[in-house]
N, C-alpha and C. Protein backbone atom coordinates (compact mmCIF):
# COMPACT_ATOMS: atom_id res chain seq x y z
N MET A 1 39.11 -58.80 77.41
CA MET A 1 40.17 -57.97 76.82
C MET A 1 41.49 -58.71 76.90
N ALA A 2 42.11 -58.77 75.67
CA ALA A 2 43.38 -59.50 75.60
C ALA A 2 44.46 -58.70 76.27
N SER A 3 45.37 -59.37 76.91
CA SER A 3 46.48 -58.69 77.57
C SER A 3 47.74 -59.51 77.41
N ALA A 4 48.89 -58.82 77.53
CA ALA A 4 50.18 -59.49 77.39
C ALA A 4 50.99 -59.24 78.63
N LEU A 5 51.60 -60.30 79.14
CA LEU A 5 52.40 -60.17 80.35
C LEU A 5 53.79 -60.70 80.07
N LEU A 6 54.77 -59.84 80.26
CA LEU A 6 56.16 -60.25 80.07
C LEU A 6 56.86 -60.12 81.42
N SER A 7 57.34 -61.22 81.92
CA SER A 7 58.03 -61.17 83.21
C SER A 7 59.48 -61.59 83.03
N THR A 8 60.37 -60.87 83.69
CA THR A 8 61.79 -61.17 83.61
C THR A 8 62.32 -61.32 85.03
N SER A 9 63.15 -62.27 85.22
CA SER A 9 63.76 -62.47 86.54
C SER A 9 65.10 -61.76 86.60
N ARG A 10 66.14 -62.39 86.11
CA ARG A 10 67.46 -61.78 86.15
C ARG A 10 68.22 -62.18 84.90
N PHE A 11 68.76 -61.20 84.22
CA PHE A 11 69.47 -61.48 82.99
C PHE A 11 70.97 -61.52 83.26
N HIS A 12 71.64 -62.45 82.59
CA HIS A 12 73.10 -62.51 82.68
C HIS A 12 73.68 -61.37 81.87
N PRO A 13 74.74 -60.80 82.27
CA PRO A 13 75.33 -59.63 81.58
C PRO A 13 75.93 -60.01 80.24
N LEU A 14 75.07 -60.13 79.23
CA LEU A 14 75.53 -60.42 77.88
C LEU A 14 75.44 -59.15 77.06
N GLN A 15 76.12 -59.13 75.98
CA GLN A 15 76.16 -57.95 75.14
C GLN A 15 74.97 -57.97 74.16
N ASN A 16 74.00 -57.04 74.38
CA ASN A 16 72.91 -56.80 73.44
C ASN A 16 72.30 -58.07 72.87
N ARG A 17 71.62 -58.81 73.74
CA ARG A 17 70.94 -60.02 73.25
C ARG A 17 69.56 -59.63 72.73
N GLU A 18 69.21 -60.13 71.58
CA GLU A 18 67.93 -59.78 70.96
C GLU A 18 67.05 -61.01 70.85
N VAL A 19 65.84 -60.82 71.23
CA VAL A 19 64.84 -61.89 71.08
C VAL A 19 63.68 -61.29 70.31
N GLY A 20 63.34 -61.86 69.21
CA GLY A 20 62.25 -61.26 68.42
C GLY A 20 61.51 -62.29 67.59
N GLY A 21 60.40 -61.79 67.05
CA GLY A 21 59.68 -62.56 66.06
C GLY A 21 58.64 -63.51 66.60
N LEU A 22 58.17 -63.26 67.84
CA LEU A 22 57.14 -64.14 68.37
C LEU A 22 55.78 -63.55 68.03
N VAL A 23 54.99 -64.29 67.31
CA VAL A 23 53.67 -63.82 66.90
C VAL A 23 52.63 -64.81 67.38
N SER A 24 51.64 -64.32 68.08
CA SER A 24 50.61 -65.19 68.64
C SER A 24 49.26 -64.85 68.04
N ASN A 25 48.55 -65.83 67.53
CA ASN A 25 47.21 -65.62 66.97
C ASN A 25 46.22 -66.42 67.80
N LEU A 26 45.27 -65.75 68.36
CA LEU A 26 44.21 -66.42 69.08
C LEU A 26 42.97 -66.45 68.20
N ARG A 27 42.37 -67.56 68.06
CA ARG A 27 41.22 -67.70 67.19
C ARG A 27 39.94 -67.91 68.00
N SER A 28 38.88 -67.30 67.53
CA SER A 28 37.61 -67.43 68.21
C SER A 28 37.05 -68.83 68.04
N SER A 29 36.57 -69.42 69.12
CA SER A 29 35.99 -70.75 69.04
C SER A 29 34.63 -70.73 68.38
N PHE A 30 34.04 -69.52 68.23
CA PHE A 30 32.72 -69.43 67.62
C PHE A 30 32.80 -69.24 66.11
N TYR A 31 33.72 -68.42 65.65
CA TYR A 31 33.75 -68.05 64.23
C TYR A 31 34.97 -68.57 63.49
N GLY A 32 35.95 -69.01 64.16
CA GLY A 32 37.14 -69.52 63.49
C GLY A 32 37.95 -68.47 62.79
N LYS A 33 37.84 -67.21 63.23
CA LYS A 33 38.59 -66.12 62.59
C LYS A 33 39.64 -65.59 63.56
N VAL A 34 40.65 -65.00 62.98
CA VAL A 34 41.67 -64.39 63.82
C VAL A 34 41.09 -63.15 64.45
N ILE A 35 41.04 -63.12 65.78
CA ILE A 35 40.49 -61.96 66.46
C ILE A 35 41.53 -61.20 67.25
N TYR A 36 42.75 -61.78 67.37
CA TYR A 36 43.75 -61.10 68.19
C TYR A 36 45.13 -61.46 67.71
N ASN A 37 45.92 -60.47 67.40
CA ASN A 37 47.32 -60.67 67.02
C ASN A 37 48.20 -59.95 68.02
N GLN A 38 49.24 -60.65 68.47
CA GLN A 38 50.15 -60.03 69.44
C GLN A 38 51.57 -60.25 68.96
N ASN A 39 52.30 -59.15 68.82
CA ASN A 39 53.67 -59.22 68.34
C ASN A 39 54.62 -58.76 69.44
N PHE A 40 55.57 -59.63 69.78
CA PHE A 40 56.63 -59.24 70.70
C PHE A 40 57.88 -58.99 69.86
N VAL A 41 58.42 -57.79 69.93
CA VAL A 41 59.56 -57.48 69.08
C VAL A 41 60.71 -56.92 69.92
N THR A 42 61.92 -57.27 69.53
CA THR A 42 63.18 -56.71 69.99
C THR A 42 63.26 -56.51 71.50
N MET A 43 63.81 -57.49 72.17
CA MET A 43 64.05 -57.39 73.61
C MET A 43 65.55 -57.37 73.83
N LYS A 44 66.06 -56.28 74.39
CA LYS A 44 67.50 -56.12 74.54
C LYS A 44 67.89 -56.04 76.00
N THR A 45 69.07 -56.55 76.31
CA THR A 45 69.64 -56.39 77.65
C THR A 45 70.99 -55.72 77.55
N ASN A 46 71.30 -54.89 78.53
CA ASN A 46 72.57 -54.17 78.53
C ASN A 46 73.25 -54.39 79.87
N SER A 47 74.54 -54.66 79.83
CA SER A 47 75.28 -55.00 81.05
C SER A 47 75.34 -53.83 82.02
N SER A 48 75.29 -52.59 81.52
CA SER A 48 75.44 -51.45 82.40
C SER A 48 74.13 -51.02 83.04
N HIS A 49 73.00 -51.33 82.39
CA HIS A 49 71.72 -50.89 82.91
C HIS A 49 70.85 -52.04 83.42
N GLY A 50 71.36 -53.23 83.38
CA GLY A 50 70.56 -54.35 83.84
C GLY A 50 69.58 -54.78 82.76
N GLY A 51 68.58 -55.58 83.18
CA GLY A 51 67.61 -56.10 82.20
C GLY A 51 66.60 -55.04 81.78
N ARG A 52 66.39 -54.90 80.50
CA ARG A 52 65.39 -53.96 79.99
C ARG A 52 64.63 -54.65 78.86
N ALA A 53 63.34 -54.56 78.88
CA ALA A 53 62.53 -55.20 77.84
C ALA A 53 61.66 -54.15 77.17
N VAL A 54 61.65 -54.20 75.85
CA VAL A 54 60.79 -53.31 75.08
C VAL A 54 59.77 -54.18 74.37
N VAL A 55 58.50 -53.98 74.67
CA VAL A 55 57.44 -54.83 74.13
C VAL A 55 56.49 -53.98 73.31
N ALA A 56 56.26 -54.40 72.11
CA ALA A 56 55.27 -53.71 71.27
C ALA A 56 54.20 -54.71 70.90
N SER A 57 52.95 -54.36 71.08
CA SER A 57 51.86 -55.27 70.76
C SER A 57 50.83 -54.59 69.88
N VAL A 58 50.25 -55.36 69.01
CA VAL A 58 49.21 -54.87 68.10
C VAL A 58 47.97 -55.70 68.35
N LEU A 59 46.88 -55.06 68.71
CA LEU A 59 45.64 -55.78 69.02
C LEU A 59 44.70 -55.67 67.84
N GLY A 60 44.54 -56.79 67.12
CA GLY A 60 43.61 -56.83 66.00
C GLY A 60 44.03 -55.94 64.86
N ARG A 61 43.14 -55.76 63.90
CA ARG A 61 43.39 -54.90 62.74
C ARG A 61 42.49 -53.68 62.84
N ARG A 62 43.10 -52.53 62.78
CA ARG A 62 42.35 -51.29 62.87
C ARG A 62 41.56 -51.06 61.59
N VAL A 63 40.24 -50.93 61.71
CA VAL A 63 39.37 -50.77 60.55
C VAL A 63 38.92 -49.32 60.46
N GLN A 64 39.12 -48.72 59.30
CA GLN A 64 38.72 -47.34 59.10
C GLN A 64 37.21 -47.27 58.88
N LYS A 65 36.52 -46.48 59.70
CA LYS A 65 35.07 -46.37 59.61
C LYS A 65 34.69 -45.50 58.43
N LYS A 66 33.68 -45.95 57.67
CA LYS A 66 33.23 -45.20 56.51
C LYS A 66 32.42 -43.99 56.96
N GLU A 67 32.62 -42.90 56.26
CA GLU A 67 31.91 -41.68 56.58
C GLU A 67 30.48 -41.74 56.07
N THR A 68 29.59 -40.98 56.70
CA THR A 68 28.21 -40.87 56.22
C THR A 68 28.17 -39.93 55.02
N VAL A 69 27.51 -40.37 53.95
CA VAL A 69 27.43 -39.60 52.71
C VAL A 69 25.97 -39.27 52.42
N ILE A 70 25.69 -37.99 52.14
CA ILE A 70 24.34 -37.54 51.79
C ILE A 70 24.43 -36.80 50.46
N PRO A 71 24.01 -37.42 49.34
CA PRO A 71 24.07 -36.73 48.04
C PRO A 71 23.26 -35.44 48.06
N GLU A 72 23.77 -34.45 47.36
CA GLU A 72 23.10 -33.15 47.31
C GLU A 72 21.80 -33.23 46.52
N PRO A 73 20.81 -32.40 46.85
CA PRO A 73 19.55 -32.39 46.08
C PRO A 73 19.77 -31.88 44.65
N ASP A 74 18.97 -32.39 43.73
CA ASP A 74 19.06 -32.00 42.32
C ASP A 74 17.64 -31.70 41.83
N TYR A 75 17.41 -30.48 41.36
CA TYR A 75 16.06 -30.02 41.00
C TYR A 75 15.76 -30.16 39.51
N ARG A 76 16.61 -30.81 38.76
CA ARG A 76 16.42 -30.83 37.31
C ARG A 76 15.13 -31.52 36.88
N ILE A 77 14.82 -32.68 37.49
CA ILE A 77 13.62 -33.41 37.07
C ILE A 77 12.35 -32.61 37.34
N PRO A 78 12.12 -32.08 38.56
CA PRO A 78 10.90 -31.29 38.76
C PRO A 78 10.84 -30.04 37.88
N VAL A 79 11.98 -29.40 37.63
CA VAL A 79 11.99 -28.22 36.77
C VAL A 79 11.60 -28.58 35.34
N VAL A 80 12.12 -29.69 34.83
CA VAL A 80 11.76 -30.15 33.48
C VAL A 80 10.28 -30.47 33.39
N LEU A 81 9.76 -31.16 34.40
CA LEU A 81 8.33 -31.51 34.40
C LEU A 81 7.45 -30.26 34.45
N LEU A 82 7.81 -29.31 35.28
CA LEU A 82 7.03 -28.08 35.37
C LEU A 82 7.11 -27.27 34.07
N GLY A 83 8.28 -27.28 33.45
CA GLY A 83 8.42 -26.61 32.17
C GLY A 83 7.58 -27.26 31.08
N LEU A 84 7.58 -28.60 31.07
CA LEU A 84 6.77 -29.33 30.10
C LEU A 84 5.29 -29.06 30.32
N SER A 85 4.89 -29.05 31.58
CA SER A 85 3.50 -28.78 31.90
C SER A 85 3.09 -27.37 31.45
N GLY A 86 3.99 -26.41 31.67
CA GLY A 86 3.70 -25.06 31.23
C GLY A 86 3.58 -24.96 29.72
N GLY A 87 4.46 -25.67 29.01
CA GLY A 87 4.40 -25.67 27.55
C GLY A 87 3.10 -26.28 27.03
N LEU A 88 2.68 -27.38 27.66
CA LEU A 88 1.42 -28.02 27.26
C LEU A 88 0.22 -27.12 27.55
N ALA A 89 0.26 -26.46 28.69
CA ALA A 89 -0.84 -25.56 29.02
C ALA A 89 -0.88 -24.38 28.06
N TYR A 90 0.28 -23.89 27.64
CA TYR A 90 0.35 -22.76 26.71
C TYR A 90 -0.26 -23.12 25.36
N THR A 91 -0.15 -24.38 24.97
CA THR A 91 -0.71 -24.84 23.69
C THR A 91 -2.10 -25.45 23.86
N ASN A 92 -2.72 -25.15 25.00
CA ASN A 92 -4.09 -25.59 25.30
C ASN A 92 -4.23 -27.11 25.44
N ASN A 93 -3.13 -27.80 25.75
CA ASN A 93 -3.20 -29.24 26.04
C ASN A 93 -3.32 -29.41 27.55
N LEU A 94 -4.46 -29.01 28.09
CA LEU A 94 -4.62 -28.98 29.53
C LEU A 94 -4.73 -30.36 30.16
N LEU A 95 -5.26 -31.33 29.40
CA LEU A 95 -5.45 -32.66 29.97
C LEU A 95 -4.12 -33.31 30.38
N PRO A 96 -3.09 -33.33 29.53
CA PRO A 96 -1.81 -33.87 29.98
C PRO A 96 -1.03 -32.89 30.86
N ALA A 97 -1.29 -31.61 30.70
CA ALA A 97 -0.53 -30.60 31.46
C ALA A 97 -0.80 -30.70 32.95
N ALA A 98 -2.02 -31.01 33.32
CA ALA A 98 -2.40 -31.04 34.74
C ALA A 98 -1.64 -32.12 35.52
N PRO A 99 -1.69 -33.40 35.10
CA PRO A 99 -0.97 -34.42 35.89
C PRO A 99 0.54 -34.24 35.87
N ILE A 100 1.10 -33.80 34.72
CA ILE A 100 2.54 -33.58 34.66
C ILE A 100 2.95 -32.44 35.59
N GLY A 101 2.13 -31.39 35.64
CA GLY A 101 2.42 -30.28 36.53
C GLY A 101 2.32 -30.68 38.00
N LEU A 102 1.32 -31.51 38.33
CA LEU A 102 1.18 -31.98 39.71
C LEU A 102 2.37 -32.85 40.12
N LEU A 103 2.82 -33.72 39.18
CA LEU A 103 3.98 -34.57 39.47
C LEU A 103 5.23 -33.70 39.67
N GLY A 104 5.37 -32.66 38.85
CA GLY A 104 6.51 -31.76 39.00
C GLY A 104 6.50 -31.05 40.33
N LEU A 105 5.31 -30.61 40.78
CA LEU A 105 5.21 -29.94 42.07
C LEU A 105 5.52 -30.90 43.23
N LEU A 106 5.03 -32.15 43.10
CA LEU A 106 5.30 -33.15 44.14
C LEU A 106 6.79 -33.42 44.26
N LEU A 107 7.47 -33.63 43.11
CA LEU A 107 8.90 -33.90 43.14
C LEU A 107 9.70 -32.69 43.61
N LEU A 108 9.21 -31.48 43.29
CA LEU A 108 9.87 -30.27 43.76
C LEU A 108 9.83 -30.20 45.29
N PHE A 109 8.67 -30.53 45.85
CA PHE A 109 8.52 -30.54 47.30
C PHE A 109 9.39 -31.63 47.93
N GLN A 110 9.40 -32.82 47.33
CA GLN A 110 10.19 -33.92 47.86
C GLN A 110 11.69 -33.63 47.78
N THR A 111 12.12 -32.94 46.75
CA THR A 111 13.54 -32.61 46.60
C THR A 111 14.02 -31.72 47.73
N THR A 112 13.15 -30.87 48.24
CA THR A 112 13.54 -29.96 49.32
C THR A 112 13.63 -30.66 50.67
N ARG A 113 13.01 -31.85 50.80
CA ARG A 113 12.94 -32.45 52.13
C ARG A 113 13.49 -33.86 52.25
N VAL A 114 13.47 -34.68 51.19
CA VAL A 114 13.89 -36.08 51.26
C VAL A 114 15.39 -36.19 51.02
N ARG A 115 16.05 -37.00 51.83
CA ARG A 115 17.49 -37.22 51.69
C ARG A 115 17.79 -38.71 51.77
N PHE A 116 18.73 -39.14 50.92
CA PHE A 116 19.31 -40.48 51.02
C PHE A 116 20.54 -40.37 51.91
N VAL A 117 20.58 -41.13 53.00
CA VAL A 117 21.70 -41.10 53.92
C VAL A 117 22.42 -42.44 53.86
N PHE A 118 23.67 -42.43 53.43
CA PHE A 118 24.48 -43.63 53.32
C PHE A 118 25.45 -43.66 54.50
N ASP A 119 25.13 -44.46 55.52
CA ASP A 119 26.07 -44.59 56.63
C ASP A 119 26.97 -45.80 56.41
N ALA A 120 27.66 -46.24 57.43
CA ALA A 120 28.64 -47.32 57.26
C ALA A 120 28.00 -48.66 56.92
N GLU A 121 26.74 -48.87 57.30
CA GLU A 121 26.11 -50.18 57.14
C GLU A 121 24.93 -50.21 56.19
N ALA A 122 24.23 -49.08 56.03
CA ALA A 122 22.95 -49.14 55.33
C ALA A 122 22.61 -47.83 54.64
N LEU A 123 21.66 -47.92 53.71
CA LEU A 123 21.04 -46.76 53.08
C LEU A 123 19.73 -46.49 53.81
N GLU A 124 19.53 -45.23 54.21
CA GLU A 124 18.32 -44.87 54.94
C GLU A 124 17.72 -43.60 54.34
N VAL A 125 16.39 -43.57 54.25
CA VAL A 125 15.69 -42.38 53.77
C VAL A 125 15.32 -41.52 54.97
N LYS A 126 15.78 -40.27 54.95
CA LYS A 126 15.49 -39.31 56.02
C LYS A 126 14.74 -38.12 55.42
N VAL A 127 14.13 -37.33 56.29
CA VAL A 127 13.40 -36.15 55.83
C VAL A 127 13.79 -34.93 56.64
N GLY A 128 13.77 -33.76 55.98
CA GLY A 128 14.01 -32.50 56.65
C GLY A 128 15.48 -32.19 56.86
N GLU A 129 15.74 -30.95 57.23
CA GLU A 129 17.10 -30.50 57.46
C GLU A 129 17.73 -31.21 58.66
N GLN A 130 16.90 -31.63 59.62
CA GLN A 130 17.40 -32.32 60.81
C GLN A 130 17.51 -33.82 60.61
N LEU A 131 17.26 -34.28 59.39
CA LEU A 131 17.35 -35.70 59.04
C LEU A 131 16.52 -36.56 60.00
N GLN A 132 15.24 -36.27 60.02
CA GLN A 132 14.31 -37.01 60.87
C GLN A 132 13.95 -38.35 60.25
N ASP A 133 13.49 -39.26 61.08
CA ASP A 133 13.07 -40.59 60.63
C ASP A 133 11.89 -40.46 59.68
N SER A 134 11.93 -41.18 58.57
CA SER A 134 10.86 -41.11 57.58
C SER A 134 9.71 -42.06 57.87
N GLY A 135 9.84 -42.83 58.96
CA GLY A 135 8.75 -43.73 59.34
C GLY A 135 8.71 -44.99 58.50
N GLU A 136 7.57 -45.65 58.52
CA GLU A 136 7.41 -46.93 57.81
C GLU A 136 7.15 -46.70 56.34
N ASN A 137 7.66 -47.61 55.50
CA ASN A 137 7.44 -47.54 54.07
C ASN A 137 5.96 -47.75 53.76
N VAL A 138 5.35 -46.79 53.08
CA VAL A 138 3.90 -46.84 52.87
C VAL A 138 3.49 -47.89 51.83
N PHE A 139 4.45 -48.36 51.03
CA PHE A 139 4.11 -49.31 49.97
C PHE A 139 4.35 -50.76 50.38
N VAL A 140 5.48 -51.05 51.00
CA VAL A 140 5.82 -52.45 51.30
C VAL A 140 5.98 -52.71 52.79
N GLY A 141 5.87 -51.65 53.62
CA GLY A 141 6.03 -51.82 55.06
C GLY A 141 7.49 -51.87 55.47
N GLY A 142 7.73 -51.84 56.77
CA GLY A 142 9.09 -51.85 57.29
C GLY A 142 9.70 -50.46 57.23
N GLU A 143 10.78 -50.28 57.99
CA GLU A 143 11.44 -48.98 58.00
C GLU A 143 12.21 -48.74 56.71
N ASN A 144 12.39 -47.48 56.38
CA ASN A 144 13.11 -47.10 55.15
C ASN A 144 14.61 -47.10 55.40
N ARG A 145 15.12 -48.25 55.75
CA ARG A 145 16.55 -48.44 55.99
C ARG A 145 16.91 -49.85 55.54
N TRP A 146 17.88 -49.96 54.63
CA TRP A 146 18.23 -51.25 54.06
C TRP A 146 19.75 -51.44 54.10
N LYS A 147 20.19 -52.55 54.64
CA LYS A 147 21.62 -52.84 54.74
C LYS A 147 22.18 -53.18 53.36
N TYR A 148 23.40 -52.71 53.10
CA TYR A 148 24.05 -52.98 51.81
C TYR A 148 24.23 -54.48 51.59
N SER A 149 24.42 -55.23 52.66
CA SER A 149 24.66 -56.67 52.54
C SER A 149 23.45 -57.41 52.00
N THR A 150 22.27 -56.78 52.01
CA THR A 150 21.06 -57.44 51.51
C THR A 150 20.74 -57.04 50.08
N PHE A 151 21.54 -56.14 49.49
CA PHE A 151 21.29 -55.70 48.11
C PHE A 151 21.60 -56.83 47.13
N VAL A 152 20.65 -57.13 46.27
CA VAL A 152 20.85 -58.14 45.23
C VAL A 152 21.34 -57.48 43.95
N ASN A 153 20.74 -56.36 43.61
CA ASN A 153 21.13 -55.64 42.39
C ASN A 153 20.63 -54.20 42.51
N TRP A 154 21.22 -53.32 41.70
CA TRP A 154 20.74 -51.95 41.63
C TRP A 154 21.11 -51.36 40.29
N GLU A 155 20.36 -50.37 39.84
CA GLU A 155 20.61 -49.71 38.56
C GLU A 155 20.26 -48.23 38.67
N LEU A 156 20.92 -47.43 37.83
CA LEU A 156 20.64 -46.01 37.74
C LEU A 156 20.23 -45.71 36.30
N TRP A 157 18.98 -45.26 36.10
CA TRP A 157 18.49 -44.93 34.75
C TRP A 157 18.24 -43.44 34.64
N TRP A 158 18.71 -42.80 33.67
CA TRP A 158 19.72 -43.14 32.68
C TRP A 158 20.93 -42.33 33.05
N PRO A 159 22.12 -42.85 32.85
CA PRO A 159 23.31 -42.20 33.41
C PRO A 159 23.53 -40.75 32.97
N ASN A 160 23.25 -40.43 31.69
CA ASN A 160 23.47 -39.07 31.21
C ASN A 160 22.53 -38.06 31.87
N PHE A 161 21.32 -38.50 32.13
CA PHE A 161 20.33 -37.67 32.83
C PHE A 161 19.53 -38.61 33.72
N PRO A 162 20.08 -38.96 34.89
CA PRO A 162 19.45 -39.99 35.72
C PRO A 162 18.05 -39.59 36.18
N ILE A 163 17.11 -40.50 35.97
CA ILE A 163 15.72 -40.24 36.33
C ILE A 163 15.25 -41.15 37.46
N LEU A 164 15.65 -42.43 37.36
CA LEU A 164 15.21 -43.40 38.37
C LEU A 164 16.41 -44.17 38.91
N VAL A 165 16.36 -44.50 40.19
CA VAL A 165 17.30 -45.43 40.78
C VAL A 165 16.49 -46.62 41.27
N TYR A 166 16.99 -47.81 40.95
CA TYR A 166 16.30 -49.05 41.31
C TYR A 166 17.24 -49.90 42.13
N PHE A 167 16.72 -50.56 43.15
CA PHE A 167 17.50 -51.58 43.83
C PHE A 167 16.57 -52.66 44.38
N LYS A 168 17.14 -53.85 44.49
CA LYS A 168 16.40 -55.00 45.02
C LYS A 168 17.14 -55.51 46.24
N GLU A 169 16.40 -55.71 47.35
CA GLU A 169 17.02 -56.17 48.59
C GLU A 169 16.21 -57.31 49.20
N THR A 170 16.87 -58.09 50.04
CA THR A 170 16.23 -59.24 50.67
C THR A 170 15.94 -59.02 52.15
N GLN A 171 16.09 -57.79 52.61
CA GLN A 171 15.84 -57.50 54.02
C GLN A 171 14.34 -57.44 54.31
N THR A 172 13.57 -56.82 53.38
CA THR A 172 12.14 -56.68 53.59
C THR A 172 11.44 -58.02 53.50
N LYS A 173 11.81 -58.83 52.50
CA LYS A 173 11.29 -60.17 52.38
C LYS A 173 12.33 -61.06 51.70
N PRO A 174 12.42 -62.33 52.09
CA PRO A 174 13.50 -63.21 51.60
C PRO A 174 13.57 -63.36 50.10
N GLU A 175 12.43 -63.35 49.43
CA GLU A 175 12.43 -63.52 47.97
C GLU A 175 12.87 -62.27 47.24
N GLY A 176 13.03 -61.19 47.95
CA GLY A 176 13.51 -59.95 47.35
C GLY A 176 12.41 -58.92 47.20
N GLN A 177 12.75 -57.67 47.49
CA GLN A 177 11.82 -56.56 47.34
C GLN A 177 12.45 -55.49 46.46
N VAL A 178 11.70 -55.02 45.46
CA VAL A 178 12.18 -54.02 44.52
C VAL A 178 11.75 -52.63 44.97
N HIS A 179 12.65 -51.66 44.81
CA HIS A 179 12.35 -50.26 45.15
C HIS A 179 12.73 -49.37 43.97
N PHE A 180 11.88 -48.38 43.68
CA PHE A 180 12.16 -47.37 42.68
C PHE A 180 12.06 -45.99 43.33
N PHE A 181 13.06 -45.14 43.06
CA PHE A 181 13.04 -43.77 43.58
C PHE A 181 13.41 -42.82 42.44
N PRO A 182 12.71 -41.69 42.33
CA PRO A 182 13.16 -40.67 41.37
C PRO A 182 14.50 -40.10 41.83
N VAL A 183 15.36 -39.82 40.88
CA VAL A 183 16.69 -39.29 41.22
C VAL A 183 16.57 -37.78 41.42
N ILE A 184 16.22 -37.41 42.64
CA ILE A 184 16.14 -36.00 43.01
C ILE A 184 17.39 -35.59 43.79
N PHE A 185 18.47 -36.34 43.52
CA PHE A 185 19.78 -36.07 44.14
C PHE A 185 20.82 -35.96 43.04
N ASN A 186 22.00 -35.50 43.40
CA ASN A 186 23.11 -35.44 42.46
C ASN A 186 23.41 -36.86 41.95
N GLY A 187 23.19 -37.09 40.65
CA GLY A 187 23.31 -38.43 40.10
C GLY A 187 24.71 -39.01 40.19
N LYS A 188 25.74 -38.19 39.98
CA LYS A 188 27.13 -38.67 40.06
C LYS A 188 27.47 -39.08 41.49
N GLN A 189 27.10 -38.24 42.46
CA GLN A 189 27.36 -38.58 43.85
C GLN A 189 26.62 -39.85 44.25
N LEU A 190 25.37 -39.95 43.82
CA LEU A 190 24.57 -41.14 44.13
C LEU A 190 25.20 -42.39 43.55
N TYR A 191 25.63 -42.32 42.30
CA TYR A 191 26.25 -43.48 41.66
C TYR A 191 27.54 -43.88 42.37
N ASP A 192 28.40 -42.91 42.68
CA ASP A 192 29.69 -43.21 43.29
C ASP A 192 29.53 -43.89 44.66
N VAL A 193 28.60 -43.38 45.47
CA VAL A 193 28.45 -43.97 46.81
C VAL A 193 27.76 -45.33 46.73
N MET A 194 26.88 -45.54 45.75
CA MET A 194 26.26 -46.85 45.58
C MET A 194 27.30 -47.88 45.17
N VAL A 195 28.22 -47.50 44.29
CA VAL A 195 29.29 -48.41 43.89
C VAL A 195 30.17 -48.75 45.08
N GLU A 196 30.50 -47.74 45.87
CA GLU A 196 31.39 -47.95 47.02
C GLU A 196 30.74 -48.84 48.08
N ARG A 197 29.45 -48.62 48.38
CA ARG A 197 28.82 -49.32 49.49
C ARG A 197 28.11 -50.61 49.08
N ALA A 198 27.53 -50.65 47.87
CA ALA A 198 26.72 -51.81 47.46
C ALA A 198 27.36 -52.62 46.34
N GLY A 199 28.52 -52.20 45.85
CA GLY A 199 29.15 -52.92 44.75
C GLY A 199 28.73 -52.34 43.41
N PRO A 200 29.47 -52.67 42.34
CA PRO A 200 29.20 -52.06 41.03
C PRO A 200 27.88 -52.52 40.43
N SER A 201 27.26 -51.62 39.67
CA SER A 201 26.08 -51.93 38.90
C SER A 201 26.49 -52.52 37.57
N LYS A 202 25.73 -53.47 37.07
CA LYS A 202 26.12 -54.16 35.84
C LYS A 202 25.86 -53.31 34.60
N ASN A 203 24.79 -52.53 34.59
CA ASN A 203 24.36 -51.90 33.34
C ASN A 203 24.40 -50.38 33.34
N SER A 204 24.55 -49.75 34.49
CA SER A 204 24.50 -48.30 34.52
C SER A 204 25.83 -47.70 34.97
N GLY A 205 26.03 -46.45 34.63
CA GLY A 205 27.24 -45.75 35.06
C GLY A 205 27.24 -44.37 34.45
N PRO A 206 27.78 -43.37 35.13
CA PRO A 206 27.79 -42.00 34.58
C PRO A 206 28.72 -41.89 33.40
N LYS A 207 28.33 -41.12 32.42
CA LYS A 207 29.13 -40.89 31.21
C LYS A 207 29.87 -39.57 31.33
């Protein structure tokens, strides 16, 4: 821990002497970055009160921590799929109605429980109201948590009615791993936080 020590012996009775503007930067021998700034400002002496020193120091740069963002669930996709399935079944098109209806039911269930959690460092998939760990990724392995610094690219399809979100990261494997998720969250909130945490997308954006 950096510390500053100012010692004074005896000051001659001068009228309001000011000493200021000393700035000290200590650099880390490991990273070569400024890790400590110390500012000594305005030191005054007064003949009637003896020596008095006022020292103000600033340690490093205060960084504002990013808040955790959880986009709200959005039921539009499962509702559309279930409606389409019902329409197909009504017209006796049972063969396509069955898989579409099952997909709609699956997404409806997932919308009630799956959450994207954007913390200060990474995107993580959680489940349930208590935001429990979702475990290992069943398709590519590894935990369902990816640091923004490993994102290569991401897209939101389609902005007017977002259906899929895609991103590619190098955390799972160095050559890059692609992920696709149905947009069962508020598309605008999802887009805004992705831009803020992972950088802008080249081809997608809300209209």
